[in-house]
C-alpha atoms as a PDB file:
ATOM      1  CA  MET A   1     -50.979-117.838  79.006  1.00  0.00           C
ATOM      2  CA  THR A   2     -54.085-120.921  79.468  1.00  0.00           C
ATOM      3  CA  ASN A   3     -56.117-121.781  76.779  1.00  0.00           C
ATOM      4  CA  PRO A   4     -59.961-119.906  77.319  1.00  0.00           C
ATOM      5  CA  ALA A   5     -61.444-123.636  76.896  1.00  0.00           C
ATOM      6  CA  VAL A   6     -59.233-124.944  79.097  1.00  0.00           C
ATOM      7  CA  ARG A   7     -59.992-122.108  81.804  1.00  0.00           C
ATOM      8  CA  THR A   8     -63.303-122.989  81.448  1.00  0.00           C
ATOM      9  CA  VAL A   9     -63.125-126.845  82.127  1.00  0.00           C
ATOM     10  CA  LEU A  10     -61.301-126.066  85.076  1.00  0.00           C
ATOM     11  CA  ALA A  11     -63.692-123.465  86.643  1.00  0.00           C
ATOM     12  CA  ASP A  12     -66.258-126.225  85.839  1.00  0.00           C
ATOM     13  CA  LEU A  13     -64.351-129.090  87.529  1.00  0.00           C
ATOM     14  CA  ARG A  14     -64.147-126.347  90.977  1.00  0.00           C
ATOM     15  CA  THR A  15     -67.489-125.748  91.156  1.00  0.00           C
ATOM     16  CA  ARG A  16     -68.002-129.802  91.016  1.00  0.00           C
ATOM     17  CA  ILE A  17     -65.415-130.457  93.169  1.00  0.00           C
ATOM     18  CA  GLY A  18     -66.807-127.600  95.694  1.00  0.00           C
ATOM     19  CA  SER A  19     -70.291-129.044  95.471  1.00  0.00           C
ATOM     20  CA  LEU A  20     -68.869-132.356  96.636  1.00  0.00           C
ATOM     21  CA  GLU A  21     -66.953-130.856  99.639  1.00  0.00           C
ATOM     22  CA  GLY A  22     -69.879-129.121 100.725  1.00  0.00           C
ATOM     23  CA  GLY A  23     -69.289-125.955  98.703  1.00  0.00           C
ATOM     24  CA  ALA A  24     -72.769-125.760  97.965  1.00  0.00           C
ATOM     25  CA  ALA A  25     -73.826-125.657 101.393  1.00  0.00           C
ATOM     26  CA  CYS A  26     -71.422-122.537 101.951  1.00  0.00           C
ATOM     27  CA  ARG A  27     -72.920-120.851  98.641  1.00  0.00           C
ATOM     28  CA  ARG A  28     -76.312-121.005 100.473  1.00  0.00           C
ATOM     29  CA  GLY A  29     -75.436-118.610 103.364  1.00  0.00           C
ATOM     30  CA  VAL A  30     -74.118-118.986 106.703  1.00  0.00           C
ATOM     31  CA  LEU A  31     -75.896-118.281 110.014  1.00  0.00           C
ATOM     32  CA  PRO A  32     -73.665-115.715 112.178  1.00  0.00           C
ATOM     33  CA  PHE A  33     -74.071-115.638 115.886  1.00  0.00           C
ATOM     34  CA  GLY A  34     -73.807-112.260 116.042  1.00  0.00           C
ATOM     35  CA  VAL A  35     -70.725-112.253 118.241  1.00  0.00           C
ATOM     36  CA  PRO A  36     -67.381-111.474 116.552  1.00  0.00           C
ATOM     37  CA  GLU A  37     -65.401-113.441 119.083  1.00  0.00           C
ATOM     38  CA  ILE A  38     -67.188-116.631 117.561  1.00  0.00           C
ATOM     39  CA  ASP A  39     -67.867-115.845 113.889  1.00  0.00           C
ATOM     40  CA  ARG A  40     -64.837-114.590 112.783  1.00  0.00           C
ATOM     41  CA  ARG A  41     -63.352-118.363 113.429  1.00  0.00           C
ATOM     42  CA  LEU A  42     -65.920-119.949 111.611  1.00  0.00           C
ATOM     43  CA  PRO A  43     -65.572-120.432 108.400  1.00  0.00           C
ATOM     44  CA  GLY A  44     -67.797-117.753 106.156  1.00  0.00           C
ATOM     45  CA  GLY A  45     -68.604-116.096 109.729  1.00  0.00           C
ATOM     46  CA  GLY A  46     -71.408-118.366 110.923  1.00  0.00           C
ATOM     47  CA  LEU A  47     -72.645-121.760 110.803  1.00  0.00           C
ATOM     48  CA  ALA A  48     -73.064-122.957 106.987  1.00  0.00           C
ATOM     49  CA  PHE A  49     -76.909-123.381 105.593  1.00  0.00           C
ATOM     50  CA  GLY A  50     -76.969-127.215 104.105  1.00  0.00           C
ATOM     51  CA  GLY A  51     -74.716-128.574 106.547  1.00  0.00           C
ATOM     52  CA  LEU A  52     -74.769-130.500 109.884  1.00  0.00           C
ATOM     53  CA  HIS A  53     -74.070-129.660 113.069  1.00  0.00           C
ATOM     54  CA  GLU A  54     -73.614-131.715 116.171  1.00  0.00           C
ATOM     55  CA  VAL A  55     -73.902-130.455 119.644  1.00  0.00           C
ATOM     56  CA  ALA A  56     -73.593-131.897 123.472  1.00  0.00           C
ATOM     57  CA  GLY A  57     -73.396-131.111 127.022  1.00  0.00           C
ATOM     58  CA  GLY A  58     -70.409-131.172 128.883  1.00  0.00           C
ATOM     59  CA  GLY A  59     -69.695-131.842 132.249  1.00  0.00           C
ATOM     60  CA  ASN A  60     -72.987-133.303 133.894  1.00  0.00           C
ATOM     61  CA  GLY A  61     -74.643-132.161 131.058  1.00  0.00           C
ATOM     62  CA  ALA A  62     -73.414-135.001 129.284  1.00  0.00           C
ATOM     63  CA  VAL A  63     -76.753-136.995 129.981  1.00  0.00           C
ATOM     64  CA  ASP A  64     -79.580-134.356 130.591  1.00  0.00           C
ATOM     65  CA  GLY A  65     -78.198-132.387 127.894  1.00  0.00           C
ATOM     66  CA  ALA A  66     -80.036-129.157 128.810  1.00  0.00           C
ATOM     67  CA  ALA A  67     -77.521-126.518 128.081  1.00  0.00           C
ATOM     68  CA  ALA A  68     -76.880-128.182 124.963  1.00  0.00           C
ATOM     69  CA  ALA A  69     -80.583-128.198 123.943  1.00  0.00           C
ATOM     70  CA  LEU A  70     -80.868-124.318 124.670  1.00  0.00           C
ATOM     71  CA  PHE A  71     -78.114-123.521 122.656  1.00  0.00           C
ATOM     72  CA  ALA A  72     -79.395-125.747 119.708  1.00  0.00           C
ATOM     73  CA  ALA A  73     -82.510-123.808 120.349  1.00  0.00           C
ATOM     74  CA  GLY A  74     -81.150-120.519 119.750  1.00  0.00           C
ATOM     75  CA  ILE A  75     -79.519-121.793 116.716  1.00  0.00           C
ATOM     76  CA  ALA A  76     -82.730-122.741 114.900  1.00  0.00           C
ATOM     77  CA  ALA A  77     -84.636-119.631 116.502  1.00  0.00           C
ATOM     78  CA  ARG A  78     -82.290-117.500 114.514  1.00  0.00           C
ATOM     79  CA  THR A  79     -82.873-119.573 111.612  1.00  0.00           C
ATOM     80  CA  GLY A  80     -86.720-117.573 111.211  1.00  0.00           C
ATOM     81  CA  GLY A  81     -88.548-120.406 110.264  1.00  0.00           C
ATOM     82  CA  ALA A  82     -90.324-123.752 111.137  1.00  0.00           C
ATOM     83  CA  VAL A  83     -88.039-126.186 113.039  1.00  0.00           C
ATOM     84  CA  LEU A  84     -88.795-129.956 112.865  1.00  0.00           C
ATOM     85  CA  TRP A  85     -87.270-131.765 116.312  1.00  0.00           C
ATOM     86  CA  CYS A  86     -86.903-135.268 116.667  1.00  0.00           C
ATOM     87  CA  VAL A  87     -86.972-136.971 119.821  1.00  0.00           C
ATOM     88  CA  THR A  88     -87.299-140.880 121.184  1.00  0.00           C
ATOM     89  CA  ARG A  89     -88.315-139.804 124.522  1.00  0.00           C
ATOM     90  CA  ALA A  90     -91.017-137.237 125.611  1.00  0.00           C
ATOM     91  CA  ASP A  91     -89.029-134.766 127.870  1.00  0.00           C
ATOM     92  CA  LEU A  92     -88.824-131.686 125.694  1.00  0.00           C
ATOM     93  CA  PHE A  93     -89.768-128.640 127.743  1.00  0.00           C
ATOM     94  CA  ALA A  94     -91.595-126.369 125.604  1.00  0.00           C
ATOM     95  CA  PRO A  95     -91.220-123.040 127.861  1.00  0.00           C
ATOM     96  CA  ALA A  96     -87.343-123.345 127.960  1.00  0.00           C
ATOM     97  CA  LEU A  97     -87.391-123.522 124.263  1.00  0.00           C
ATOM     98  CA  ALA A  98     -89.487-120.591 124.254  1.00  0.00           C
ATOM     99  CA  GLN A  99     -87.194-118.777 126.506  1.00  0.00           C
ATOM    100  CA  ALA A 100     -84.349-119.177 124.015  1.00  0.00           C
ATOM    101  CA  GLY A 101     -86.491-117.625 121.196  1.00  0.00           C
ATOM    102  CA  LEU A 102     -88.160-120.713 119.944  1.00  0.00           C
ATOM    103  CA  PRO A 103     -91.867-120.395 120.632  1.00  0.00           C
ATOM    104  CA  PRO A 104     -94.050-123.323 120.737  1.00  0.00           C
ATOM    105  CA  GLY A 105     -95.659-122.134 117.124  1.00  0.00           C
ATOM    106  CA  ARG A 106     -92.582-122.585 115.162  1.00  0.00           C
ATOM    107  CA  VAL A 107     -91.652-126.007 116.329  1.00  0.00           C
ATOM    108  CA  VAL A 108     -92.999-129.235 114.770  1.00  0.00           C
ATOM    109  CA  HIS A 109     -92.420-132.280 117.493  1.00  0.00           C
ATOM    110  CA  LEU A 110     -91.946-135.837 116.037  1.00  0.00           C
ATOM    111  CA  GLU A 111     -91.465-138.903 118.418  1.00  0.00           C
ATOM    112  CA  THR A 112     -90.051-142.227 117.589  1.00  0.00           C
ATOM    113  CA  GLY A 113     -89.544-145.468 119.092  1.00  0.00           C
ATOM    114  CA  ASP A 114     -86.109-145.890 118.918  1.00  0.00           C
ATOM    115  CA  GLU A 115     -83.118-144.137 116.688  1.00  0.00           C
ATOM    116  CA  GLY A 116     -83.216-146.069 113.491  1.00  0.00           C
ATOM    117  CA  ASP A 117     -86.790-144.617 112.859  1.00  0.00           C
ATOM    118  CA  LEU A 118     -85.628-141.013 114.221  1.00  0.00           C
ATOM    119  CA  LEU A 119     -82.494-140.901 112.095  1.00  0.00           C
ATOM    120  CA  ALA A 120     -84.616-141.607 108.787  1.00  0.00           C
ATOM    121  CA  CYS A 121     -87.370-139.537 109.860  1.00  0.00           C
ATOM    122  CA  PHE A 122     -84.221-136.702 110.696  1.00  0.00           C
ATOM    123  CA  GLU A 123     -82.981-137.242 106.916  1.00  0.00           C
ATOM    124  CA  ASP A 124     -86.410-137.180 105.447  1.00  0.00           C
ATOM    125  CA  GLY A 125     -86.985-133.468 107.234  1.00  0.00           C
ATOM    126  CA  LEU A 126     -83.319-132.520 106.002  1.00  0.00           C
ATOM    127  CA  ARG A 127     -83.873-133.331 102.640  1.00  0.00           C
ATOM    128  CA  HIS A 128     -87.759-132.155 102.489  1.00  0.00           C
ATOM    129  CA  GLY A 129     -86.280-128.553 102.877  1.00  0.00           C
ATOM    130  CA  GLY A 130     -89.247-126.883 104.342  1.00  0.00           C
ATOM    131  CA  PRO A 131     -87.707-126.656 107.878  1.00  0.00           C
ATOM    132  CA  SER A 132     -85.072-124.223 108.259  1.00  0.00           C
ATOM    133  CA  ALA A 133     -83.702-125.990 110.794  1.00  0.00           C
ATOM    134  CA  VAL A 134     -84.335-129.785 112.043  1.00  0.00           C
ATOM    135  CA  VAL A 135     -82.981-131.287 115.436  1.00  0.00           C
ATOM    136  CA  ALA A 136     -82.522-134.850 116.310  1.00  0.00           C
ATOM    137  CA  GLU A 137     -81.563-135.986 119.760  1.00  0.00           C
ATOM    138  CA  VAL A 138     -79.466-139.458 119.379  1.00  0.00           C
ATOM    139  CA  ALA A 139     -77.094-141.052 121.648  1.00  0.00           C
ATOM    140  CA  ARG A 140     -74.834-142.583 118.357  1.00  0.00           C
ATOM    141  CA  LEU A 141     -74.273-141.347 115.252  1.00  0.00           C
ATOM    142  CA  PRO A 142     -72.294-143.470 113.209  1.00  0.00           C
ATOM    143  CA  MET A 143     -70.255-142.231 110.039  1.00  0.00           C
ATOM    144  CA  VAL A 144     -72.532-143.596 107.214  1.00  0.00           C
ATOM    145  CA  ALA A 145     -75.511-142.470 108.893  1.00  0.00           C
ATOM    146  CA  SER A 146     -73.852-139.043 109.241  1.00  0.00           C
ATOM    147  CA  ARG A 147     -72.965-138.747 105.625  1.00  0.00           C
ATOM    148  CA  ARG A 148     -76.387-139.598 104.458  1.00  0.00           C
ATOM    149  CA  LEU A 149     -77.537-136.718 106.918  1.00  0.00           C
ATOM    150  CA  MET A 150     -75.396-133.983 105.444  1.00  0.00           C
ATOM    151  CA  LEU A 151     -76.226-135.043 101.554  1.00  0.00           C
ATOM    152  CA  ALA A 152     -79.876-134.558 103.462  1.00  0.00           C
ATOM    153  CA  ALA A 153     -78.841-131.349 104.501  1.00  0.00           C
ATOM    154  CA  GLU A 154     -76.983-130.334 101.174  1.00  0.00           C
ATOM    155  CA  THR A 155     -80.278-131.234  99.337  1.00  0.00           C
ATOM    156  CA  GLY A 156     -82.686-129.127 101.755  1.00  0.00           C
ATOM    157  CA  GLY A 157     -80.705-126.399 102.037  1.00  0.00           C
ATOM    158  CA  GLY A 158     -81.595-125.994 105.794  1.00  0.00           C
ATOM    159  CA  ILE A 159     -79.542-126.465 108.965  1.00  0.00           C
ATOM    160  CA  GLY A 160     -79.203-129.793 110.608  1.00  0.00           C
ATOM    161  CA  ILE A 161     -78.458-130.173 114.128  1.00  0.00           C
ATOM    162  CA  VAL A 162     -77.374-133.369 115.746  1.00  0.00           C
ATOM    163  CA  LEU A 163     -78.195-132.991 119.651  1.00  0.00           C
ATOM    164  CA  ARG A 164     -76.039-135.632 121.029  1.00  0.00           C
ATOM    165  CA  ARG A 165     -77.558-137.418 124.518  1.00  0.00           C
ATOM    166  CA  TRP A 166     -76.712-140.395 126.519  1.00  0.00           C
ATOM    167  CA  SER A 167     -78.228-142.192 129.263  1.00  0.00           C
ATOM    168  CA  ARG A 168     -75.066-142.918 131.345  1.00  0.00           C
ATOM    169  CA  GLN A 169     -71.724-140.323 131.313  1.00  0.00           C
ATOM    170  CA  GLY A 170     -69.624-143.211 130.297  1.00  0.00           C
ATOM    171  CA  GLN A 171     -71.545-143.303 126.837  1.00  0.00           C
ATOM    172  CA  ALA A 172     -70.271-139.631 126.030  1.00  0.00           C
ATOM    173  CA  THR A 173     -67.093-140.934 124.555  1.00  0.00           C
ATOM    174  CA  ASP A 174     -69.180-141.953 121.260  1.00  0.00           C
ATOM    175  CA  PHE A 175     -68.949-138.058 121.041  1.00  0.00           C
ATOM    176  CA  GLY A 176     -65.147-138.576 120.073  1.00  0.00           C
ATOM    177  CA  GLN A 177     -65.681-140.705 117.072  1.00  0.00           C
ATOM    178  CA  PRO A 178     -65.503-139.496 113.400  1.00  0.00           C
ATOM    179  CA  THR A 179     -68.664-138.144 111.778  1.00  0.00           C
ATOM    180  CA  ALA A 180     -69.071-135.894 108.500  1.00  0.00           C
ATOM    181  CA  SER A 181     -70.974-133.032 110.413  1.00  0.00           C
ATOM    182  CA  LEU A 182     -69.436-129.789 109.629  1.00  0.00           C
ATOM    183  CA  THR A 183     -68.949-128.499 113.112  1.00  0.00           C
ATOM    184  CA  ARG A 184     -69.062-130.298 116.646  1.00  0.00           C
ATOM    185  CA  TRP A 185     -69.851-128.225 119.795  1.00  0.00           C
ATOM    186  CA  ARG A 186     -69.899-128.981 123.472  1.00  0.00           C
ATOM    187  CA  VAL A 187     -71.600-126.860 125.930  1.00  0.00           C
ATOM    188  CA  THR A 188     -71.192-126.562 129.790  1.00  0.00           C
ATOM    189  CA  ALA A 189     -73.330-124.672 132.065  1.00  0.00           C
ATOM    190  CA  SER A 190     -71.234-122.285 134.615  1.00  0.00           C
ATOM    191  CA  ALA A 191     -72.064-120.259 136.988  1.00  0.00           C
ATOM    192  CA  SER A 192     -74.601-117.649 136.044  1.00  0.00           C
ATOM    193  CA  ALA A 193     -74.057-113.875 136.144  1.00  0.00           C
ATOM    194  CA  PRO A 194     -74.090-112.007 139.198  1.00  0.00           C
ATOM    195  CA  LEU A 195     -76.871-109.554 140.343  1.00  0.00           C
ATOM    196  CA  PRO A 196     -77.004-106.462 142.040  1.00  0.00           C
ATOM    197  CA  VAL A 197     -79.965-107.610 144.046  1.00  0.00           C
ATOM    198  CA  PRO A 198     -80.624-111.345 145.282  1.00  0.00           C
ATOM    199  CA  GLY A 199     -81.744-113.562 142.220  1.00  0.00           C
ATOM    200  CA  VAL A 200     -80.483-115.499 139.400  1.00  0.00           C
ATOM    201  CA  GLY A 201     -78.513-113.944 136.944  1.00  0.00           C
ATOM    202  CA  ARG A 202     -78.620-114.764 133.322  1.00  0.00           C
ATOM    203  CA  SER A 203     -77.130-118.128 132.257  1.00  0.00           C
ATOM    204  CA  ARG A 204     -73.364-118.769 131.406  1.00  0.00           C
ATOM    205  CA  TRP A 205     -72.194-121.244 129.007  1.00  0.00           C
ATOM    206  CA  ARG A 206     -68.555-122.459 128.457  1.00  0.00           C
ATOM    207  CA  LEU A 207     -68.895-122.563 124.770  1.00  0.00           C
ATOM    208  CA  GLU A 208     -66.426-125.004 123.124  1.00  0.00           C
ATOM    209  CA  LEU A 209     -65.906-125.605 119.325  1.00  0.00           C
ATOM    210  CA  VAL A 210     -64.612-128.989 119.426  1.00  0.00           C
ATOM    211  CA  ARG A 211     -64.196-129.803 115.607  1.00  0.00           C
ATOM    212  CA  CYS A 212     -64.740-127.498 112.654  1.00  0.00           C
ATOM    213  CA  ARG A 213     -63.870-128.514 108.941  1.00  0.00           C
ATOM    214  CA  ALA A 214     -61.717-125.672 107.101  1.00  0.00           C
ATOM    215  CA  GLY A 215     -61.446-124.109 110.624  1.00  0.00           C
ATOM    216  CA  GLU A 216     -60.041-124.296 113.998  1.00  0.00           C
ATOM    217  CA  SER A 217     -61.224-125.335 117.517  1.00  0.00           C
ATOM    218  CA  PHE A 218     -61.395-122.771 120.637  1.00  0.00           C
ATOM    219  CA  GLU A 219     -63.766-122.201 123.485  1.00  0.00           C
ATOM    220  CA  VAL A 220     -65.245-119.015 125.115  1.00  0.00           C
ATOM    221  CA  GLU A 221     -67.704-118.243 128.060  1.00  0.00           C
ATOM    222  CA  VAL A 222     -71.163-116.533 127.046  1.00  0.00           C
ATOM    223  CA  GLU A 223     -73.963-115.357 127.964  1.00  0.00           C
ATOM    224  CA  ALA A 224     -76.662-117.910 127.362  1.00  0.00           C
ATOM    225  CA  CYS A 225     -79.663-117.402 124.504  1.00  0.00           C
ATOM    226  CA  ASP A 226     -82.099-114.448 124.977  1.00  0.00           C
ATOM    227  CA  GLY A 227     -85.452-114.092 124.017  1.00  0.00           C
ATOM    228  CA  GLN A 228     -84.450-114.064 120.365  1.00  0.00           C
ATOM    229  CA  GLY A 229     -81.853-116.901 120.546  1.00  0.00           C
ATOM    230  CA  ARG A 230     -78.852-114.759 121.044  1.00  0.00           C
ATOM    231  CA  LEU A 231     -75.756-115.381 122.635  1.00  0.00           C
ATOM    232  CA  ALA A 232     -73.569-112.494 124.281  1.00  0.00           C
ATOM    233  CA  LEU A 233     -70.174-112.254 125.968  1.00  0.00           C
ATOM    234  CA  PRO A 234     -69.918-111.317 129.568  1.00  0.00           C
ATOM    235  CA  ALA A 235     -68.968-108.019 130.617  1.00  0.00           C
ATOM    236  CA  ALA A 236     -65.589-107.034 130.328  1.00  0.00           C
ATOM    237  CA  LEU A 237     -63.214-106.464 133.444  1.00  0.00           C
ATOM    238  CA  ALA A 238     -62.794-102.897 132.076  1.00  0.00           C
ATOM    239  CA  ASP A 239     -66.447-102.381 132.213  1.00  0.00           C
ATOM    240  CA  ARG A 240     -66.792-103.130 136.182  1.00  0.00           C
ATOM    241  CA  SER A 241     -67.659-100.552 138.529  1.00  0.00           C
ATOM    242  CA  ALA A 242     -64.791 -98.849 140.018  1.00  0.00           C
ATOM    243  CA  PRO A 243     -64.887-100.458 143.339  1.00  0.00           C
ATOM    244  CA  ALA A 244     -64.986-103.680 141.484  1.00  0.00           C
ATOM    245  CA  ARG A 245     -61.839-102.972 139.836  1.00  0.00           C
ATOM    246  CA  ARG A 246     -60.019-102.336 143.064  1.00  0.00           C
ATOM    247  CA  ARG A 247     -61.198-105.474 144.354  1.00  0.00           C
ATOM    248  CA  PHE A 248     -59.432-107.179 141.089  1.00  0.00           C
ATOM    249  CA  GLY A 249     -56.303-104.894 141.572  1.00  0.00           C
ATOM    250  CA  GLY A 250     -57.007-102.423 138.742  1.00  0.00           C
ATOM    251  CA  ALA A 251     -56.927 -98.610 139.379  1.00  0.00           C
ATOM    252  CA  ALA A 252     -59.975 -97.108 139.934  1.00  0.00           C
ATOM    253  CA  GLY A 253     -59.675 -94.074 137.547  1.00  0.00           C
END
């Protein structure tokens, strides 16, 4: 049987090692998406507070990043507190963020002249701990910078979101470079949901978890964020009307 004193020392070492590996962030809790098909695949059942997460657009959206920005806004909206959003170009569309659950009254916008200053402000915002989420739009994320940001997020306890945006499609290859982020997401716009009357239905995205520390990659089609920042799965084929099921070869029942 192990000596009680030895067990105490081992427990202390495990705690300290867990803190160095991001365990402290996990103990602060997670932010679930509320979609079981996503949450069950994430360590702890959601996005870790006190951690850094990356988001980028896929396909043609790699440059404009509209779907990725709305995905990030939905995450920030569900944290419930103030949000610091850092940019280098003044093209953030506040009404779109509000439709994703993030009204102007909760957002503090910060514009810098270059990405060096932006990363410094991002780090300060994460370390401060006041905002429940800090979003920064950057093209490049060097490993050293990502490690500093990860440590700052662990200190402050909020959720840090790196929104990767590029001026040219070819620059998107930088998204494959290693960073210290806990998760890495790619969001690609898909055809919106059909409506029974002429019009545009709720937007849909192909959501890819490209990398997840202590987890596995996956992709899933989702309906875009609603007014509370929540995602949803499209209606299952079995839930279609009888005529629709017949068109797809199913029994009318």
